[in-house]
Amino acid sequence: MESRRSFLGEFIGTYILVLFGTGTVAVTVCFDQYQSIFQIAVMWGVAVTLGIYATRNLCCAHFNPAVSIAMVATGRMAARKLPVYLAAQCAGAFAAGMTIYAGFASSIAAYEEANNIVRGSMESRMSAKMFGEYYYFTGEQTVSMPLAMFAEGMGTLILVLMIFAMTEGCNTGKPSNNAAPMFIGLALSSVICLFGPLTQAGFNPARDFMPRLVALLFGWGKAAFPDSQGGFLWVYILAPVVGGLIGGLLFTKIIQPLLTTEKSGACGCCGKNE
């Protein structure tokens, strides 16, 4: 029963996050409705906030493998829960990607036709970017793989650090349980505004990889995974996981001991022994 509740919660929450987040990018690409990265970042923040409010009684509301791995590594969640969380997050992100394609397929085709884009060519990354992120485009400012990895890792580090700080019992300055999801949403919006121009701001391996698979399935081919050096793997999967681990350990090993007092209570939002 516990595993089913956790799976359902993480699936629904990740679905909400990716549906509204990638949907915002799709609207931007197809209809040019959002004029700044701030607007897109706010929508991603709203998406994660809604997801947490909708599902936190079912699961720990991570919606992100990097967050779940950091929680396990720091003892905030039992390792036995991790496979369920990762499977649910990937399934939710894939389902959201499929939903976006089903809703925007004709609009994407019209955008490609209007801009003389042949799906599957390298130029079709301009339409594929509504599914997976890209850290460079032909004719635009080049972002190197090391810089992209730094941006994704640092963004995830900051995000995980904020999640720990705003949910752990030992931080008496944290917001109330009812307000915490809004502050987590604001944290996500902030790091997107900071690093989005460099990498499109993934910070979430499930959010990037699973919708990218949707693009692969529906004709983008090599344009869905264009980097011959495996950049999507290093930048959008490995770097967020490493950044999340560093953020979690930074809080647990350095910040938490400074916050913990006899009156602060026990730390931990997921309950390792639950």
C-alpha atoms as a PDB file:
ATOM      1  CA  MET A   1       0.000   0.000   0.000  1.00  0.00           C
ATOM      2  CA  GLU A   2       2.790   2.440   0.919  1.00  0.00           C
ATOM      3  CA  SER A   3       4.602   1.835  -2.374  1.00  0.00           C
ATOM      4  CA  ARG A   4       1.411   2.332  -4.374  1.00  0.00           C
ATOM      5  CA  ARG A   5       0.673   5.597  -2.587  1.00  0.00           C
ATOM      6  CA  SER A   6       4.217   6.823  -3.152  1.00  0.00           C
ATOM      7  CA  PHE A   7       4.184   5.802  -6.814  1.00  0.00           C
ATOM      8  CA  LEU A   8       0.844   7.471  -7.434  1.00  0.00           C
ATOM      9  CA  GLY A   9       1.882  10.649  -5.638  1.00  0.00           C
ATOM     10  CA  GLU A  10       5.204  10.993  -7.432  1.00  0.00           C
ATOM     11  CA  PHE A  11       3.601  10.120 -10.780  1.00  0.00           C
ATOM     12  CA  ILE A  12       0.861  12.733 -10.432  1.00  0.00           C
ATOM     13  CA  GLY A  13       3.186  15.405  -9.072  1.00  0.00           C
ATOM     14  CA  THR A  14       5.816  14.879 -11.764  1.00  0.00           C
ATOM     15  CA  TYR A  15       3.094  14.819 -14.401  1.00  0.00           C
ATOM     16  CA  ILE A  16       1.771  18.190 -13.187  1.00  0.00           C
ATOM     17  CA  LEU A  17       5.272  19.665 -13.055  1.00  0.00           C
ATOM     18  CA  VAL A  18       6.303  18.543 -16.536  1.00  0.00           C
ATOM     19  CA  LEU A  19       2.895  19.135 -18.123  1.00  0.00           C
ATOM     20  CA  PHE A  20       2.668  22.781 -17.108  1.00  0.00           C
ATOM     21  CA  GLY A  21       6.399  23.418 -17.415  1.00  0.00           C
ATOM     22  CA  THR A  22       6.983  21.941 -20.862  1.00  0.00           C
ATOM     23  CA  GLY A  23       3.555  23.185 -21.909  1.00  0.00           C
ATOM     24  CA  THR A  24       4.758  26.713 -21.187  1.00  0.00           C
ATOM     25  CA  VAL A  25       7.804  26.125 -23.381  1.00  0.00           C
ATOM     26  CA  ALA A  26       5.580  24.672 -26.123  1.00  0.00           C
ATOM     27  CA  VAL A  27       3.334  27.744 -26.033  1.00  0.00           C
ATOM     28  CA  THR A  28       6.419  29.965 -26.197  1.00  0.00           C
ATOM     29  CA  VAL A  29       7.865  28.130 -29.199  1.00  0.00           C
ATOM     30  CA  CYS A  30       4.629  27.697 -31.164  1.00  0.00           C
ATOM     31  CA  PHE A  31       2.784  30.906 -30.336  1.00  0.00           C
ATOM     32  CA  ASP A  32       5.408  33.295 -28.922  1.00  0.00           C
ATOM     33  CA  GLN A  33       3.117  34.057 -25.994  1.00  0.00           C
ATOM     34  CA  TYR A  34       5.756  34.358 -23.260  1.00  0.00           C
ATOM     35  CA  GLN A  35       8.206  37.169 -23.886  1.00  0.00           C
ATOM     36  CA  SER A  36      10.793  36.594 -21.181  1.00  0.00           C
ATOM     37  CA  ILE A  37      12.519  33.878 -19.225  1.00  0.00           C
ATOM     38  CA  PHE A  38      10.956  35.350 -16.080  1.00  0.00           C
ATOM     39  CA  GLN A  39       7.470  34.440 -17.279  1.00  0.00           C
ATOM     40  CA  ILE A  40       8.527  30.885 -18.128  1.00  0.00           C
ATOM     41  CA  ALA A  41      10.345  30.527 -14.801  1.00  0.00           C
ATOM     42  CA  VAL A  42       7.271  31.679 -12.883  1.00  0.00           C
ATOM     43  CA  MET A  43       5.155  29.044 -14.616  1.00  0.00           C
ATOM     44  CA  TRP A  44       7.636  26.311 -13.693  1.00  0.00           C
ATOM     45  CA  GLY A  45       7.521  27.550 -10.104  1.00  0.00           C
ATOM     46  CA  VAL A  46       3.728  27.496 -10.126  1.00  0.00           C
ATOM     47  CA  ALA A  47       3.810  23.967 -11.581  1.00  0.00           C
ATOM     48  CA  VAL A  48       5.985  22.521  -8.830  1.00  0.00           C
ATOM     49  CA  THR A  49       3.962  24.338  -6.173  1.00  0.00           C
ATOM     50  CA  LEU A  50       0.699  22.876  -7.473  1.00  0.00           C
ATOM     51  CA  GLY A  51       2.263  19.425  -7.688  1.00  0.00           C
ATOM     52  CA  ILE A  52       3.411  19.531  -4.073  1.00  0.00           C
ATOM     53  CA  TYR A  53       0.072  20.732  -2.750  1.00  0.00           C
ATOM     54  CA  ALA A  54      -1.748  18.052  -4.751  1.00  0.00           C
ATOM     55  CA  THR A  55       0.329  15.066  -3.650  1.00  0.00           C
ATOM     56  CA  ARG A  56       2.304  15.656  -0.466  1.00  0.00           C
ATOM     57  CA  ASN A  57      -0.075  13.515   1.579  1.00  0.00           C
ATOM     58  CA  LEU A  58       0.698  10.605  -0.738  1.00  0.00           C
ATOM     59  CA  CYS A  59       4.480  10.916  -1.034  1.00  0.00           C
ATOM     60  CA  CYS A  60       7.441  13.124  -0.171  1.00  0.00           C
ATOM     61  CA  ALA A  61       6.723  15.225  -3.301  1.00  0.00           C
ATOM     62  CA  HIS A  62      10.183  15.181  -4.842  1.00  0.00           C
ATOM     63  CA  PHE A  63       9.248  14.906  -8.565  1.00  0.00           C
ATOM     64  CA  ASN A  64      12.967  14.834  -9.346  1.00  0.00           C
ATOM     65  CA  PRO A  65      15.476  11.939  -9.233  1.00  0.00           C
ATOM     66  CA  ALA A  66      18.227  14.320  -8.116  1.00  0.00           C
ATOM     67  CA  VAL A  67      16.178  15.300  -5.060  1.00  0.00           C
ATOM     68  CA  SER A  68      15.258  11.697  -4.215  1.00  0.00           C
ATOM     69  CA  ILE A  69      18.859  10.508  -4.525  1.00  0.00           C
ATOM     70  CA  ALA A  70      20.033  13.370  -2.297  1.00  0.00           C
ATOM     71  CA  MET A  71      17.369  12.476   0.284  1.00  0.00           C
ATOM     72  CA  VAL A  72      18.533   8.855   0.369  1.00  0.00           C
ATOM     73  CA  ALA A  73      22.236   9.768   0.478  1.00  0.00           C
ATOM     74  CA  THR A  74      21.689  12.028   3.478  1.00  0.00           C
ATOM     75  CA  GLY A  75      19.421   9.632   5.364  1.00  0.00           C
ATOM     76  CA  ARG A  76      16.226  11.605   4.801  1.00  0.00           C
ATOM     77  CA  MET A  77      14.558   8.728   2.983  1.00  0.00           C
ATOM     78  CA  ALA A  78      15.019   4.964   3.121  1.00  0.00           C
ATOM     79  CA  ALA A  79      16.939   3.524   0.168  1.00  0.00           C
ATOM     80  CA  ARG A  80      14.237   0.890  -0.368  1.00  0.00           C
ATOM     81  CA  LYS A  81      11.861   3.673  -1.485  1.00  0.00           C
ATOM     82  CA  LEU A  82      14.164   4.988  -4.193  1.00  0.00           C
ATOM     83  CA  PRO A  83      13.236   2.590  -7.057  1.00  0.00           C
ATOM     84  CA  VAL A  84       9.540   3.403  -6.623  1.00  0.00           C
ATOM     85  CA  TYR A  85      10.220   7.140  -6.640  1.00  0.00           C
ATOM     86  CA  LEU A  86      12.482   7.008  -9.694  1.00  0.00           C
ATOM     87  CA  ALA A  87      10.057   4.815 -11.649  1.00  0.00           C
ATOM     88  CA  ALA A  88       7.110   7.079 -10.832  1.00  0.00           C
ATOM     89  CA  GLN A  89       9.010  10.241 -11.738  1.00  0.00           C
ATOM     90  CA  CYS A  90      10.103   8.837 -15.091  1.00  0.00           C
ATOM     91  CA  ALA A  91       6.611   7.528 -15.868  1.00  0.00           C
ATOM     92  CA  GLY A  92       4.996  10.835 -14.941  1.00  0.00           C
ATOM     93  CA  ALA A  93       7.429  12.848 -17.047  1.00  0.00           C
ATOM     94  CA  PHE A  94       6.920  10.551 -20.044  1.00  0.00           C
ATOM     95  CA  ALA A  95       3.138  10.729 -19.741  1.00  0.00           C
ATOM     96  CA  ALA A  96       3.315  14.535 -19.577  1.00  0.00           C
ATOM     97  CA  GLY A  97       5.532  14.632 -22.666  1.00  0.00           C
ATOM     98  CA  MET A  98       3.047  12.453 -24.543  1.00  0.00           C
ATOM     99  CA  THR A  99       0.210  14.730 -23.460  1.00  0.00           C
ATOM    100  CA  ILE A 100       2.045  17.816 -24.713  1.00  0.00           C
ATOM    101  CA  TYR A 101       2.697  16.215 -28.073  1.00  0.00           C
ATOM    102  CA  ALA A 102      -0.926  15.096 -28.392  1.00  0.00           C
ATOM    103  CA  GLY A 103      -2.142  18.609 -27.653  1.00  0.00           C
ATOM    104  CA  PHE A 104       0.392  20.555 -29.696  1.00  0.00           C
ATOM    105  CA  ALA A 105       1.189  18.207 -32.609  1.00  0.00           C
ATOM    106  CA  SER A 106      -0.602  20.310 -35.228  1.00  0.00           C
ATOM    107  CA  SER A 107       0.810  23.544 -33.827  1.00  0.00           C
ATOM    108  CA  ILE A 108       4.330  22.130 -33.853  1.00  0.00           C
ATOM    109  CA  ALA A 109       3.906  21.046 -37.469  1.00  0.00           C
ATOM    110  CA  ALA A 110       2.633  24.517 -38.411  1.00  0.00           C
ATOM    111  CA  TYR A 111       5.596  26.143 -36.646  1.00  0.00           C
ATOM    112  CA  GLU A 112       8.037  23.896 -38.476  1.00  0.00           C
ATOM    113  CA  GLU A 113       6.398  24.588 -41.830  1.00  0.00           C
ATOM    114  CA  ALA A 114       6.361  28.341 -41.244  1.00  0.00           C
ATOM    115  CA  ASN A 115      10.067  28.314 -40.363  1.00  0.00           C
ATOM    116  CA  ASN A 116      11.155  25.812 -43.037  1.00  0.00           C
ATOM    117  CA  ILE A 117      12.245  23.281 -40.437  1.00  0.00           C
ATOM    118  CA  VAL A 118      12.529  19.650 -41.482  1.00  0.00           C
ATOM    119  CA  ARG A 119      11.843  17.456 -38.477  1.00  0.00           C
ATOM    120  CA  GLY A 120      14.849  15.260 -37.749  1.00  0.00           C
ATOM    121  CA  SER A 121      17.370  17.781 -39.101  1.00  0.00           C
ATOM    122  CA  MET A 122      19.690  19.632 -36.753  1.00  0.00           C
ATOM    123  CA  GLU A 123      17.579  22.755 -37.292  1.00  0.00           C
ATOM    124  CA  SER A 124      14.607  20.932 -35.780  1.00  0.00           C
ATOM    125  CA  ARG A 125      16.206  21.330 -32.373  1.00  0.00           C
ATOM    126  CA  MET A 126      14.362  24.637 -32.377  1.00  0.00           C
ATOM    127  CA  SER A 127      11.091  22.730 -32.085  1.00  0.00           C
ATOM    128  CA  ALA A 128      12.481  19.773 -30.117  1.00  0.00           C
ATOM    129  CA  LYS A 129      13.585  22.099 -27.322  1.00  0.00           C
ATOM    130  CA  MET A 130      10.029  22.164 -26.014  1.00  0.00           C
ATOM    131  CA  PHE A 131      10.611  18.563 -24.901  1.00  0.00           C
ATOM    132  CA  GLY A 132      14.288  18.217 -23.932  1.00  0.00           C
ATOM    133  CA  GLU A 133      16.795  20.934 -23.094  1.00  0.00           C
ATOM    134  CA  TYR A 134      19.739  22.059 -25.231  1.00  0.00           C
ATOM    135  CA  TYR A 135      22.801  23.997 -24.197  1.00  0.00           C
ATOM    136  CA  TYR A 136      23.865  25.136 -27.659  1.00  0.00           C
ATOM    137  CA  PHE A 137      22.309  25.967 -31.002  1.00  0.00           C
ATOM    138  CA  THR A 138      23.923  26.588 -34.389  1.00  0.00           C
ATOM    139  CA  GLY A 139      24.404  30.296 -34.961  1.00  0.00           C
ATOM    140  CA  GLU A 140      23.904  31.209 -31.326  1.00  0.00           C
ATOM    141  CA  GLN A 141      26.367  31.863 -28.549  1.00  0.00           C
ATOM    142  CA  THR A 142      28.228  28.663 -27.789  1.00  0.00           C
ATOM    143  CA  VAL A 143      27.968  27.209 -24.296  1.00  0.00           C
ATOM    144  CA  SER A 144      30.654  24.601 -23.660  1.00  0.00           C
ATOM    145  CA  MET A 145      29.842  21.259 -22.084  1.00  0.00           C
ATOM    146  CA  PRO A 146      31.853  22.028 -18.903  1.00  0.00           C
ATOM    147  CA  LEU A 147      30.017  25.334 -18.492  1.00  0.00           C
ATOM    148  CA  ALA A 148      26.669  23.632 -19.104  1.00  0.00           C
ATOM    149  CA  MET A 149      27.506  20.936 -16.547  1.00  0.00           C
ATOM    150  CA  PHE A 150      28.464  23.611 -14.030  1.00  0.00           C
ATOM    151  CA  ALA A 151      25.208  25.495 -14.611  1.00  0.00           C
ATOM    152  CA  GLU A 152      23.018  22.385 -14.263  1.00  0.00           C
ATOM    153  CA  GLY A 153      24.955  21.123 -11.254  1.00  0.00           C
ATOM    154  CA  MET A 154      24.990  24.465  -9.469  1.00  0.00           C
ATOM    155  CA  GLY A 155      21.326  25.109 -10.193  1.00  0.00           C
ATOM    156  CA  THR A 156      20.360  21.726  -8.751  1.00  0.00           C
ATOM    157  CA  LEU A 157      22.667  22.246  -5.771  1.00  0.00           C
ATOM    158  CA  ILE A 158      20.922  25.514  -4.922  1.00  0.00           C
ATOM    159  CA  LEU A 159      17.478  23.996  -5.459  1.00  0.00           C
ATOM    160  CA  VAL A 160      18.153  20.978  -3.228  1.00  0.00           C
ATOM    161  CA  LEU A 161      19.768  23.161  -0.582  1.00  0.00           C
ATOM    162  CA  MET A 162      16.652  25.337  -0.517  1.00  0.00           C
ATOM    163  CA  ILE A 163      14.371  22.283  -0.321  1.00  0.00           C
ATOM    164  CA  PHE A 164      16.315  20.947   2.660  1.00  0.00           C
ATOM    165  CA  ALA A 165      16.393  24.331   4.353  1.00  0.00           C
ATOM    166  CA  MET A 166      12.661  24.923   3.934  1.00  0.00           C
ATOM    167  CA  THR A 167      11.444  21.469   4.963  1.00  0.00           C
ATOM    168  CA  GLU A 168      13.786  20.201   7.651  1.00  0.00           C
ATOM    169  CA  GLY A 169      12.602  20.383  11.243  1.00  0.00           C
ATOM    170  CA  CYS A 170      15.941  21.566  12.609  1.00  0.00           C
ATOM    171  CA  ASN A 171      15.598  24.898  10.773  1.00  0.00           C
ATOM    172  CA  THR A 172      13.354  26.923  13.052  1.00  0.00           C
ATOM    173  CA  GLY A 173      13.356  29.746  10.500  1.00  0.00           C
ATOM    174  CA  LYS A 174      11.699  27.673   7.801  1.00  0.00           C
ATOM    175  CA  PRO A 175       8.245  28.638   6.498  1.00  0.00           C
ATOM    176  CA  SER A 176       5.152  26.843   7.748  1.00  0.00           C
ATOM    177  CA  ASN A 177       4.208  23.539   6.165  1.00  0.00           C
ATOM    178  CA  ASN A 178       1.382  25.256   4.291  1.00  0.00           C
ATOM    179  CA  ALA A 179       3.680  27.928   2.848  1.00  0.00           C
ATOM    180  CA  ALA A 180       6.758  25.776   2.091  1.00  0.00           C
ATOM    181  CA  PRO A 181       5.566  24.617  -1.374  1.00  0.00           C
ATOM    182  CA  MET A 182       5.291  28.232  -2.531  1.00  0.00           C
ATOM    183  CA  PHE A 183       8.831  28.977  -1.417  1.00  0.00           C
ATOM    184  CA  ILE A 184      10.127  25.858  -3.158  1.00  0.00           C
ATOM    185  CA  GLY A 185       8.368  27.075  -6.290  1.00  0.00           C
ATOM    186  CA  LEU A 186      10.047  30.465  -5.898  1.00  0.00           C
ATOM    187  CA  ALA A 187      13.417  28.753  -5.483  1.00  0.00           C
ATOM    188  CA  LEU A 188      12.904  26.848  -8.730  1.00  0.00           C
ATOM    189  CA  SER A 189      11.845  30.026 -10.550  1.00  0.00           C
ATOM    190  CA  SER A 190      14.932  31.813  -9.246  1.00  0.00           C
ATOM    191  CA  VAL A 191      17.450  29.237 -10.437  1.00  0.00           C
ATOM    192  CA  ILE A 192      15.710  29.058 -13.831  1.00  0.00           C
ATOM    193  CA  CYS A 193      16.060  32.823 -14.198  1.00  0.00           C
ATOM    194  CA  LEU A 194      19.734  32.530 -13.282  1.00  0.00           C
ATOM    195  CA  PHE A 195      20.836  29.572 -15.413  1.00  0.00           C
ATOM    196  CA  GLY A 196      18.084  29.219 -18.010  1.00  0.00           C
ATOM    197  CA  PRO A 197      19.885  31.253 -20.691  1.00  0.00           C
ATOM    198  CA  LEU A 198      22.795  28.799 -20.551  1.00  0.00           C
ATOM    199  CA  THR A 199      21.100  25.389 -20.573  1.00  0.00           C
ATOM    200  CA  GLN A 200      17.309  25.901 -20.651  1.00  0.00           C
ATOM    201  CA  ALA A 201      17.457  25.002 -16.944  1.00  0.00           C
ATOM    202  CA  GLY A 202      16.718  21.303 -16.529  1.00  0.00           C
ATOM    203  CA  PHE A 203      17.853  20.485 -12.967  1.00  0.00           C
ATOM    204  CA  ASN A 204      15.797  17.287 -13.214  1.00  0.00           C
ATOM    205  CA  PRO A 205      16.917  14.122 -15.074  1.00  0.00           C
ATOM    206  CA  ALA A 206      13.371  12.772 -15.446  1.00  0.00           C
ATOM    207  CA  ARG A 207      12.052  16.083 -16.750  1.00  0.00           C
ATOM    208  CA  ASP A 208      14.728  16.152 -19.477  1.00  0.00           C
ATOM    209  CA  PHE A 209      15.173  12.534 -20.515  1.00  0.00           C
ATOM    210  CA  MET A 210      11.605  11.274 -20.688  1.00  0.00           C
ATOM    211  CA  PRO A 211      10.101  14.099 -22.807  1.00  0.00           C
ATOM    212  CA  ARG A 212      13.237  13.864 -24.965  1.00  0.00           C
ATOM    213  CA  LEU A 213      12.268  10.246 -25.620  1.00  0.00           C
ATOM    214  CA  VAL A 214       8.864  11.502 -26.772  1.00  0.00           C
ATOM    215  CA  ALA A 215      10.622  13.728 -29.313  1.00  0.00           C
ATOM    216  CA  LEU A 216      12.672  10.753 -30.469  1.00  0.00           C
ATOM    217  CA  LEU A 217       9.529   8.671 -30.933  1.00  0.00           C
ATOM    218  CA  PHE A 218       7.743  11.309 -33.001  1.00  0.00           C
ATOM    219  CA  GLY A 219      10.304  11.996 -35.659  1.00  0.00           C
ATOM    220  CA  TRP A 220      13.032  14.232 -34.302  1.00  0.00           C
ATOM    221  CA  GLY A 221      15.542  11.376 -34.477  1.00  0.00           C
ATOM    222  CA  LYS A 222      19.121  12.508 -33.941  1.00  0.00           C
ATOM    223  CA  ALA A 223      17.927  16.037 -33.243  1.00  0.00           C
ATOM    224  CA  ALA A 224      16.479  14.747 -29.969  1.00  0.00           C
ATOM    225  CA  PHE A 225      19.949  13.556 -28.873  1.00  0.00           C
ATOM    226  CA  PRO A 226      22.253  15.674 -31.064  1.00  0.00           C
ATOM    227  CA  ASP A 227      25.446  15.798 -29.039  1.00  0.00           C
ATOM    228  CA  SER A 228      27.877  13.121 -30.250  1.00  0.00           C
ATOM    229  CA  GLN A 229      29.768  13.490 -26.963  1.00  0.00           C
ATOM    230  CA  GLY A 230      26.737  12.438 -24.940  1.00  0.00           C
ATOM    231  CA  GLY A 231      26.170  15.946 -23.652  1.00  0.00           C
ATOM    232  CA  PHE A 232      22.601  15.272 -22.634  1.00  0.00           C
ATOM    233  CA  LEU A 233      23.825  12.490 -20.328  1.00  0.00           C
ATOM    234  CA  TRP A 234      26.606  14.504 -18.711  1.00  0.00           C
ATOM    235  CA  VAL A 235      24.805  17.843 -18.599  1.00  0.00           C
ATOM    236  CA  TYR A 236      21.188  16.946 -17.882  1.00  0.00           C
ATOM    237  CA  ILE A 237      21.463  13.682 -15.943  1.00  0.00           C
ATOM    238  CA  LEU A 238      24.852  13.356 -14.257  1.00  0.00           C
ATOM    239  CA  ALA A 239      25.399  17.026 -13.357  1.00  0.00           C
ATOM    240  CA  PRO A 240      22.009  17.469 -11.617  1.00  0.00           C
ATOM    241  CA  VAL A 241      22.490  14.262  -9.626  1.00  0.00           C
ATOM    242  CA  VAL A 242      25.971  15.332  -8.499  1.00  0.00           C
ATOM    243  CA  GLY A 243      24.780  18.856  -7.762  1.00  0.00           C
ATOM    244  CA  GLY A 244      21.852  17.535  -5.744  1.00  0.00           C
ATOM    245  CA  LEU A 245      24.136  15.269  -3.721  1.00  0.00           C
ATOM    246  CA  ILE A 246      26.488  18.143  -2.949  1.00  0.00           C
ATOM    247  CA  GLY A 247      23.581  20.359  -1.954  1.00  0.00           C
ATOM    248  CA  GLY A 248      22.142  17.716   0.357  1.00  0.00           C
ATOM    249  CA  LEU A 249      25.498  16.961   1.956  1.00  0.00           C
ATOM    250  CA  LEU A 250      26.274  20.661   2.340  1.00  0.00           C
ATOM    251  CA  PHE A 251      23.108  21.137   4.347  1.00  0.00           C
ATOM    252  CA  THR A 252      23.440  17.914   6.346  1.00  0.00           C
ATOM    253  CA  LYS A 253      27.142  18.105   7.183  1.00  0.00           C
ATOM    254  CA  ILE A 254      27.733  21.840   7.507  1.00  0.00           C
ATOM    255  CA  ILE A 255      24.535  23.859   7.862  1.00  0.00           C
ATOM    256  CA  GLN A 256      22.400  21.460   9.876  1.00  0.00           C
ATOM    257  CA  PRO A 257      24.858  21.096  12.788  1.00  0.00           C
ATOM    258  CA  LEU A 258      24.812  24.875  13.120  1.00  0.00           C
ATOM    259  CA  LEU A 259      21.016  24.927  13.186  1.00  0.00           C
ATOM    260  CA  THR A 260      20.359  21.978  15.474  1.00  0.00           C
ATOM    261  CA  THR A 261      19.633  22.739  19.115  1.00  0.00           C
ATOM    262  CA  GLU A 262      17.972  20.781  21.858  1.00  0.00           C
ATOM    263  CA  LYS A 263      14.681  22.593  21.177  1.00  0.00           C
ATOM    264  CA  SER A 264      14.717  22.368  17.388  1.00  0.00           C
ATOM    265  CA  GLY A 265      13.475  18.816  17.172  1.00  0.00           C
ATOM    266  CA  ALA A 266      14.491  16.030  14.851  1.00  0.00           C
ATOM    267  CA  CYS A 267      15.423  16.643  11.238  1.00  0.00           C
ATOM    268  CA  GLY A 268      13.961  14.809   8.298  1.00  0.00           C
ATOM    269  CA  CYS A 269      10.961  15.315   6.033  1.00  0.00           C
ATOM    270  CA  CYS A 270      10.598  11.861   4.541  1.00  0.00           C
ATOM    271  CA  GLY A 271      11.188   9.693   7.582  1.00  0.00           C
ATOM    272  CA  LYS A 272      13.936   7.168   6.974  1.00  0.00           C
ATOM    273  CA  ASN A 273      12.215   4.508   9.009  1.00  0.00           C
ATOM    274  CA  GLU A 274       8.666   5.140   7.844  1.00  0.00           C
END
